Amino acid sequence: MDSVSALSNSFETNGNDDDGIEVERDDNICFDKAKFSAGEDRSDGYGDSTYTHGVENLYADLSCLCLPTCAKGPREICSRTGGWMLANADQFISSIIVAISLIPESISYALIAGLPPSAGLQSCWITNIITAMIGGRPGMVTSASGLTALLLHRLIQTDTVAVESGIMILPYVIIFAGILHCIASFLGLGRLISSFPPAVVVGMVNAMALLILALQCRYVKEFPLTNEEMENGWSMDGSAPALEISWNISLFSYLGEGLEWIAPTLSIVIFGIEAAIAFVICTFLPKLTTSLPATLVSFMVIVAVEFGLARQFGAGTPLIGDYGGAKVEAPWETIFSSNYTLPSLASWENWKLILGYGFPIFMTQLTETAIALNVVDRLDESHGPGFLVLIGQGLANVVSGFLGGMGGSGVVNMSVLADRTFGTTCLSTFMIGLVMFIFVTWGYPIIDFIPLSAVSGISIATVWSFIQWRSMVATLTTCLPNKTRDRLPPQYHVARLDVIIMLLVTTACLIVDVATLLFFVINIGLFVFAATRIFLRQLKEQEVELVEEKNDEVVDGDYLVEVDDEGSKTNDDRTLGSQFGDLEEAQKIDQLLLDSCTNTCGLFPATTERQHLS
């Protein structure tokens, strides 16, 4: 079997060996998804009419008072509103769970970038609300990005014009990256991000899974900022040269290199036990009962264990409030307020920084959004509108820049968590942003008392579900002889070149913080490689035809039958598929490769229709 087909088959969706990310879907985490919609098809207006159930835009979700007829009188309004809220209860619960999980993660990314926690929190609610309103990919959660934070870290430490630090030029860089997203959408890159090669998708998914696991270590380390530094976070000075390239190892940044572990050691042990309890609940509770959302139960259980047992013996673990807290003083404050001292745009030195960091940040966000979009597409077995995704991400970054955020992009782990809890609509994405806004403005006194161990356990359970275990097995099988590999199941028979590309992408994400250009070059190389493979396969078919004509070969059943010089027929002990490859399968693979290339380049519309999960 061709390696591309094998790599695609190495994915798994809901126990299926089709083209999808391997996720152990917990169908009982929330309520019955069938309550949400009657299942009618709706077109998204961009040539894909396969959206059903949750794959709808936000305005269709909010039309309960207008469709099929307008509500008349308070009684009917209350009745429809109550029915709508009951039908979308799973969306609301999913948005609360994802919003709580986003808080410590976004704070961590802000710390990696050298920004105050408010920058990461601002990005979360802004990007989710705007992308949902624009009508981007339903079910795809956007947030502050870890790989973007690694790039911003260098900018933050930059001494731009002697008196102005790089942190003050950050809003311009984020706004410029957002404008590039909008331009890219009109240049047809929406099809590019929805057709990433499987090797790149698997490589980045595995890398992100490992980085998220490493991020959990930050929760049991000392918080690096004081209250004064958090209040004056936008007035720090940089001292590093402007465009000097530094190689910061991503994995070490996620681990919180240089930070001290919390004391006493017993608190770390308790943290691990509580995280393990949350992990077990999220993994096994759905298999025991269908009436309780496992993630919500894990939050309540860990809160009870933390305050009912651990703290009674003086061994408390860190809370969200100890990790910077969820409070944002003025989330509606713009960069034109007195708290910001923006550099002048009349300086060419500042424009060099904006251009020099804007393009890499745009490419990093584009890559992460593309990976998240491909993952959600495979989870939902539908095709997201790449054009609207880029438009939404671009406008969200522009608004985020104006409101003091650090920008955002699609995030894989939170999108998977939303999918596991049935948050698969634009309504869910909008509610995540709205709930986040409520948390950072009024709800932080309650949210700050949630233990980080509960968030960590849920994150580990999510990572456990979407990490590509089969790809690791396929990597080991590349060391076996070809005869042994031919006898393996198709999902483990992956071409060695694809495995090398997958490992290269994973390694780049784990090691370097300027891997965006590398990803871009790899993608171009993969597209050229796919086209070359089609050409070589056609040559192989021609060679097979010549061999058949020369040796007077005939096919009898599944075996190759040859006519010898004496006119007798001899059966070869090898099948035709093992000698020359199954021609019919090869033609199907060629067509898949051709569709992938044409869809990626934006030449033709997609030909494969995939129905959303019912």
Foldseek 3Di string as FASTA:
>chain_A
DAQLLLLQQLADACNHSHRAFFFVFLCQLADHQCLQAVWDWDDPPPPFGQDTRFLDAPVVLVCQCPPPHHADDPVRVVVSVVSSCVSCVLLLVLLVLLLLLQQLVLQLLCVLLLFFSVQQLLLQLLLLQLLRNLSFAFLFGKGADNLLSNLNNLQQQAAQPVQDGSLQLLLLLLLLLLVVLLVCLVVQQLLQLLQFRSLLLQLVLQLQLLLLLLLLLVQQFAQDDDPVCNVLVSRDHHDDHQPDDDWDFSSCSSNPPPTGGDDDVLLVVVLVVLLVQLLCQCVCVSVVDSHHNSLVVSQVVSLCCQVVPCVVVPRHGAFCLSNNFLADPDQQDFCPDPSHDHDDPVDVSSVCNSVVSNVLSSLVQSNQQSSQQNNLCSNFQFGIRSSSQSNSQSVSSNVSSGRNHNGIHGHNLSSLSSVSSVSRHSNSSSSSSVVSVCCHHPVRVPSRSGGVSSSSSSSNSSSVRRNSPLLVLLQVCVPPDPVVLVPDPSNSNHDPVSNVSSNVSSSCSRTGSSCSVVVVVVRVVVLVVLVVVLVVVVVLVVVVVVVCVVQVWDDDPQWIWGQDPVRDIDTDPDGPCVPRRDVVVSVVVSVVSVLSSCSSVVNDDHDDGTHTDD
